[in-house]
Structures are given as C-alpha cells and as structure tokens.
C-alpha cells in the first residue's frame, strides 16, 4: 500500500526521524516535512523531500503524520491540522507529556502516542507506542519499526518511562564518557579510547540480546578477580541505585 509520511517539527527528534526513514530506504519523494523555522527544513532542500509551506499541507499530502513539535507549540499546530483530518489519516504524536485525551480534537484520525529517542537516525531506537483501546496498530508499527524496536504499552506508563527512553542516550553517554576518560587517564589516545569504549558498549549490548545481564556478570567475574572487585566497589558506592534513583525522581516530576 502506498503510504506518504509527513513530519511536523524538524528539531533534534524530528530530524532524527527523517534521517532514520531515509536510511531505512523510504523514498524521499514519499516524505513531507514542515517546521515553523524555515532554516531547519531548508537543510533538506536537496534531498528530494517535500517541504510544505505549513502544517496543514503536510496533513493534506500525507497518510501518516508524525507530530514532533515541542509541547508548548502543539496548540497552534492542532488548530492548523484538525480540520484536515479524516479516518484515512494516521497521527503519531511524539510530544512528551501530552496525553491522547489532550489530543482529542485529532480523534477523527487514527491516533497514537509514541516515545522514541534520537537514535532513530541510526534505526536503533527503543520505541514505546500507545493507542486508544481497540485501535488497529499495524500501520503505526510498520512505520515505527523502520526506526527501531517497538513495544506497545498502556499509555498510563508513558510519562514515567520518558526518562528511560527519551533521556536514555544522554544518561548512557554520560556513563560512556566516564569509561572514555578512564581510558585516556590510563594512557590511551582520545581516538583509541573512544573507539574501544564504543566497541565495548556495542559488543555488550549485542551479548545482552542473547543472555541475561546477570549471566554476563557471572561469565566475567572470577572469585577474587579484578571484575569482582570492581563490581564490589560499584555496589559499595551505590552506583546502580543512584542511577535508578535519578531516573525515578525525574520520572515523578
């Protein structure tokens, strides 16, 4: 089935969605974008992507519309697009903290709420997806699966998990930087340290797809060895608990 995809809002997330869709093989002629800041869309003027004059044109031109604007801007966007919707359209909102009920004026279309992160650009994002009860999710999953792995959840869980998914890359990059700095401190060049740390996290992630996290610890931790000692020091400092506490305190705001 022919499906044209529109993106309203080309900030960090919107541009990541666009890059991921292009990387996945979506024909640029099947993509339509709009941002109130024309400089953001101008960067894609030579890609073959349709650049709309307003949000309403994106809706008219697209089958699936991704709302990637800032929550503070969504009121103005809704007023532009709500009269152009019908049940042949699919709306996927990526606006953090904006519930499906708050988007009720868009209910003429199939309406979804999703939470990915900027790793959509690498087609490796974890993606949470919520919809109204009984709604067919096939088309939304088909589009989002081009950008990563989709998990369907009850919308009540969405806000609490925003820090895990949406903020996750920043939190992980913060940890990775500590590994990187340690490598440099021990004598590696910055280039080599970054290469090794990136490979360390990549390899561990792939291993964790095959076996539980605890099994990885057991495979490497020999009695009295340096891994067991390092894990003990991390436990003593409460690093795991601190990470969970920081996410939990933020998710409850």
Protein backbone atom coordinates (compact mmCIF):
# COMPACT_ATOMS: atom_id res chain seq x y z
CA UNK A 1 0.00 0.00 0.00
CA UNK A 2 1.30 3.45 -0.94
CA UNK A 3 1.96 5.49 2.16
CA UNK A 4 3.34 9.01 2.33
CA UNK A 5 4.85 10.07 5.65
CA UNK A 6 4.81 13.62 6.97
CA UNK A 7 6.81 15.10 9.84
CA UNK A 8 5.75 18.31 11.57
CA UNK A 9 8.64 19.71 13.61
CA UNK A 10 12.24 19.29 12.44
CA UNK A 11 14.15 19.76 15.68
CA UNK A 12 16.53 17.17 17.14
CA UNK A 13 13.89 14.43 17.26
CA UNK A 14 12.14 15.34 14.02
CA UNK A 15 15.40 15.42 12.09
CA UNK A 16 16.34 12.05 13.62
CA UNK A 17 13.01 10.60 12.47
CA UNK A 18 13.59 11.96 8.98
CA UNK A 19 17.18 10.67 8.74
CA UNK A 20 16.11 7.26 10.03
CA UNK A 21 13.30 6.96 7.50
CA UNK A 22 15.65 7.90 4.66
CA UNK A 23 18.29 5.45 5.95
CA UNK A 24 15.66 2.70 6.09
CA UNK A 25 15.06 3.05 2.36
CA UNK A 26 11.92 5.19 2.29
CA UNK A 27 11.86 7.12 -0.98
CA UNK A 28 12.41 10.82 -0.26
CA UNK A 29 9.54 11.63 -2.64
CA UNK A 30 7.28 9.91 -0.11
CA UNK A 31 8.34 12.22 2.73
CA UNK A 32 6.89 15.64 3.52
CA UNK A 33 8.21 17.94 6.27
CA UNK A 34 7.38 21.26 7.91
CA UNK A 35 8.87 23.41 10.66
CA UNK A 36 7.96 26.96 11.60
CA UNK A 37 11.68 27.71 11.39
CA UNK A 38 12.33 27.56 7.64
CA UNK A 39 16.09 27.22 8.20
CA UNK A 40 15.54 23.75 9.66
CA UNK A 41 13.72 22.43 6.61
CA UNK A 42 16.00 24.25 4.15
CA UNK A 43 18.80 21.89 5.16
CA UNK A 44 16.88 19.11 3.36
CA UNK A 45 16.01 21.07 0.21
CA UNK A 46 18.32 18.98 -1.98
CA UNK A 47 17.27 15.56 -0.69
CA UNK A 48 14.06 15.25 -2.70
CA UNK A 49 11.90 15.58 0.42
CA UNK A 50 8.74 17.67 0.00
CA UNK A 51 8.98 20.83 2.11
CA UNK A 52 5.48 22.07 2.98
CA UNK A 53 4.52 25.71 3.45
CA UNK A 54 2.56 24.92 6.63
CA UNK A 55 1.45 22.06 8.88
CA UNK A 56 -1.89 21.79 7.09
CA UNK A 57 -0.16 20.98 3.81
CA UNK A 58 1.73 18.12 5.48
CA UNK A 59 -1.60 16.60 6.58
CA UNK A 60 -3.17 17.02 3.16
CA UNK A 61 -0.14 15.43 1.48
CA UNK A 62 0.48 12.53 3.88
CA UNK A 63 -1.10 9.28 5.04
CA UNK A 64 0.91 9.07 8.28
CA UNK A 65 1.68 12.30 10.13
CA UNK A 66 4.34 12.46 12.85
CA UNK A 67 3.95 15.30 15.34
CA UNK A 68 7.44 16.12 16.65
CA UNK A 69 6.86 19.69 17.79
CA UNK A 70 7.59 20.95 21.30
CA UNK A 71 4.61 20.54 23.66
CA UNK A 72 4.45 24.32 24.08
CA UNK A 73 3.74 24.65 20.34
CA UNK A 74 1.14 21.94 19.94
CA UNK A 75 -1.91 24.15 20.45
CA UNK A 76 -1.10 26.23 17.39
CA UNK A 77 -0.33 23.14 15.32
CA UNK A 78 -3.58 21.42 16.27
CA UNK A 79 -5.62 24.39 15.14
CA UNK A 80 -3.89 24.17 11.74
CA UNK A 81 -4.42 20.47 11.15
CA UNK A 82 -7.54 19.25 12.98
CA UNK A 83 -9.99 20.28 10.21
CA UNK A 84 -7.95 18.48 7.56
CA UNK A 85 -8.12 15.06 9.21
CA UNK A 86 -10.28 12.03 8.44
CA UNK A 87 -10.24 8.33 9.29
CA UNK A 88 -7.84 7.62 6.43
CA UNK A 89 -5.09 9.54 8.24
CA UNK A 90 -2.80 8.25 11.00
CA UNK A 91 -1.39 10.67 13.57
CA UNK A 92 1.59 9.65 15.72
CA UNK A 93 2.40 12.16 18.45
CA UNK A 94 5.91 12.27 19.89
CA UNK A 95 5.15 15.15 22.26
CA UNK A 96 6.37 14.30 25.75
CA UNK A 97 3.75 14.79 28.46
CA UNK A 98 0.84 15.35 26.05
CA UNK A 99 -1.78 12.62 26.53
CA UNK A 100 -4.08 11.14 23.92
CA UNK A 101 -7.00 12.80 25.72
CA UNK A 102 -5.38 16.20 25.23
CA UNK A 103 -5.22 15.41 21.53
CA UNK A 104 -8.90 14.52 21.37
CA UNK A 105 -9.54 17.09 18.63
CA UNK A 106 -7.47 14.84 16.35
CA UNK A 107 -9.62 11.78 17.04
CA UNK A 108 -11.11 11.82 13.52
CA UNK A 109 -7.81 10.19 12.51
CA UNK A 110 -6.21 7.04 13.89
CA UNK A 111 -4.35 8.50 16.85
CA UNK A 112 -1.21 7.19 18.56
CA UNK A 113 1.34 8.38 21.07
CA UNK A 114 4.96 7.26 20.82
CA UNK A 115 8.22 7.77 22.70
CA UNK A 116 11.45 7.13 20.75
CA UNK A 117 14.80 8.91 21.06
CA UNK A 118 17.36 10.46 18.74
CA UNK A 119 18.86 7.05 17.87
CA UNK A 120 16.02 6.85 15.32
CA UNK A 121 18.63 8.33 12.99
CA UNK A 122 20.62 5.08 13.37
CA UNK A 123 17.41 2.97 13.07
CA UNK A 124 18.15 1.59 16.55
CA UNK A 125 15.76 3.46 18.84
CA UNK A 126 13.69 1.75 21.51
CA UNK A 127 10.14 2.99 20.85
CA UNK A 128 7.13 2.95 23.17
CA UNK A 129 3.71 3.03 21.49
CA UNK A 130 0.25 3.66 22.94
CA UNK A 131 -3.17 3.92 21.32
CA UNK A 132 -6.83 4.09 22.17
CA UNK A 133 -8.42 0.80 23.16
CA UNK A 134 -9.19 -1.49 20.24
CA UNK A 135 -7.41 0.61 17.65
CA UNK A 136 -5.52 -1.17 14.86
CA UNK A 137 -1.79 -0.60 15.40
CA UNK A 138 -0.47 -2.31 12.25
CA UNK A 139 0.24 0.83 10.22
CA UNK A 140 1.87 2.71 13.12
CA UNK A 141 4.08 -0.28 13.94
CA UNK A 142 5.02 -0.65 10.27
CA UNK A 143 6.31 2.94 10.14
CA UNK A 144 7.98 2.99 13.55
CA UNK A 145 9.69 -0.35 13.00
CA UNK A 146 11.78 1.36 10.34
CA UNK A 147 13.32 3.41 13.16
CA UNK A 148 13.95 0.77 15.83
CA UNK A 149 12.19 -1.73 18.08
CA UNK A 150 8.57 -1.08 19.10
CA UNK A 151 6.96 -2.08 22.40
CA UNK A 152 3.24 -1.46 22.90
CA UNK A 153 2.36 -0.20 26.39
CA UNK A 154 -0.58 1.20 28.32
CA UNK A 155 -0.47 4.98 27.98
CA UNK A 156 -0.50 5.36 31.78
CA UNK A 157 3.10 4.11 31.76
CA UNK A 158 4.32 6.54 29.12
CA UNK A 159 5.20 9.60 31.24
CA UNK A 160 7.06 7.54 33.84
CA UNK A 161 9.19 5.88 31.15
CA UNK A 162 10.09 9.06 29.27
CA UNK A 163 13.37 9.44 31.15
CA UNK A 164 14.31 5.82 30.37
CA UNK A 165 13.69 6.05 26.63
CA UNK A 166 13.80 9.73 25.67
CA UNK A 167 16.63 10.73 28.02
CA UNK A 168 18.37 7.36 27.86
CA UNK A 169 21.02 8.25 25.26
CA UNK A 170 22.18 11.23 27.34
CA UNK A 171 22.39 9.14 30.52
CA UNK A 172 24.27 6.35 28.76
CA UNK A 173 26.59 8.83 27.02
CA UNK A 174 27.40 10.27 30.45
CA UNK A 175 28.46 6.80 31.65
CA UNK A 176 30.37 6.14 28.43
CA UNK A 177 32.28 9.38 28.87
CA UNK A 178 33.47 8.16 32.27
CA UNK A 179 34.83 4.99 30.62
CA UNK A 180 36.42 7.14 27.91
CA UNK A 181 38.10 9.46 30.43
CA UNK A 182 39.43 6.46 32.36
CA UNK A 183 40.99 5.09 29.17
CA UNK A 184 42.69 8.42 28.47
CA UNK A 185 43.84 8.66 32.09
CA UNK A 186 45.49 5.25 31.72
CA UNK A 187 47.39 6.29 28.61
CA UNK A 188 45.15 5.72 25.60
CA UNK A 189 44.88 8.39 22.97
CA UNK A 190 41.44 10.05 22.87
CA UNK A 191 40.78 8.44 19.48
CA UNK A 192 41.68 4.95 20.68
CA UNK A 193 39.81 5.34 23.96
CA UNK A 194 36.61 6.39 22.18
CA UNK A 195 36.92 3.55 19.67
CA UNK A 196 37.40 0.97 22.41
CA UNK A 197 34.63 2.30 24.65
CA UNK A 198 32.15 2.44 21.76
CA UNK A 199 33.04 -1.13 20.84
CA UNK A 200 32.76 -2.18 24.48
CA UNK A 201 29.18 -0.89 24.76
CA UNK A 202 28.23 -2.18 21.31
CA UNK A 203 29.56 -5.65 21.97
CA UNK A 204 27.98 -5.85 25.42
CA UNK A 205 24.62 -4.75 24.01
CA UNK A 206 24.74 -7.49 21.41
CA UNK A 207 25.71 -10.07 24.03
CA UNK A 208 22.83 -8.91 26.25
CA UNK A 209 20.42 -9.72 23.41
CA UNK A 210 21.42 -13.37 23.82
CA UNK A 211 21.80 -13.86 27.58
CA UNK A 212 20.54 -12.17 30.79
CA UNK A 213 22.53 -9.30 32.29
CA UNK A 214 23.34 -11.40 35.36
CA UNK A 215 24.86 -14.13 33.22
CA UNK A 216 27.29 -11.61 31.74
CA UNK A 217 28.43 -10.67 35.25
CA UNK A 218 28.94 -14.35 36.14
CA UNK A 219 30.84 -15.16 32.95
CA UNK A 220 33.43 -12.43 33.62
CA UNK A 221 33.59 -12.35 37.42
CA UNK A 222 36.08 -14.93 38.69
CA UNK A 223 36.46 -15.30 42.50
CA UNK A 224 38.95 -12.78 43.80
CA UNK A 225 39.43 -11.27 40.34
CA UNK A 226 39.51 -7.63 39.27
CA UNK A 227 35.97 -7.74 37.82
CA UNK A 228 34.53 -8.99 41.11
CA UNK A 229 36.45 -6.26 42.93
CA UNK A 230 35.25 -3.56 40.55
CA UNK A 231 31.63 -4.72 40.91
CA UNK A 232 32.03 -4.70 44.70
CA UNK A 233 33.32 -1.12 44.62
CA UNK A 234 30.40 -0.06 42.41
CA UNK A 235 27.96 -1.76 44.77
CA UNK A 236 29.59 -0.14 47.79
CA UNK A 237 29.19 3.28 46.19
CA UNK A 238 25.59 2.56 45.28
CA UNK A 239 26.11 3.38 41.61
CA UNK A 240 23.28 1.19 40.35
CA UNK A 241 20.89 2.53 42.96
CA UNK A 242 21.97 6.10 42.22
CA UNK A 243 21.18 5.65 38.53
CA UNK A 244 17.73 4.25 39.30
CA UNK A 245 17.08 6.96 41.90
CA UNK A 246 17.99 9.72 39.46
CA UNK A 247 15.63 8.34 36.82
CA UNK A 248 12.84 7.67 39.31
CA UNK A 249 12.99 11.14 40.87
CA UNK A 250 12.87 12.68 37.40
CA UNK A 251 10.02 10.48 36.15
CA UNK A 252 7.86 11.51 39.12
CA UNK A 253 8.12 15.24 38.34
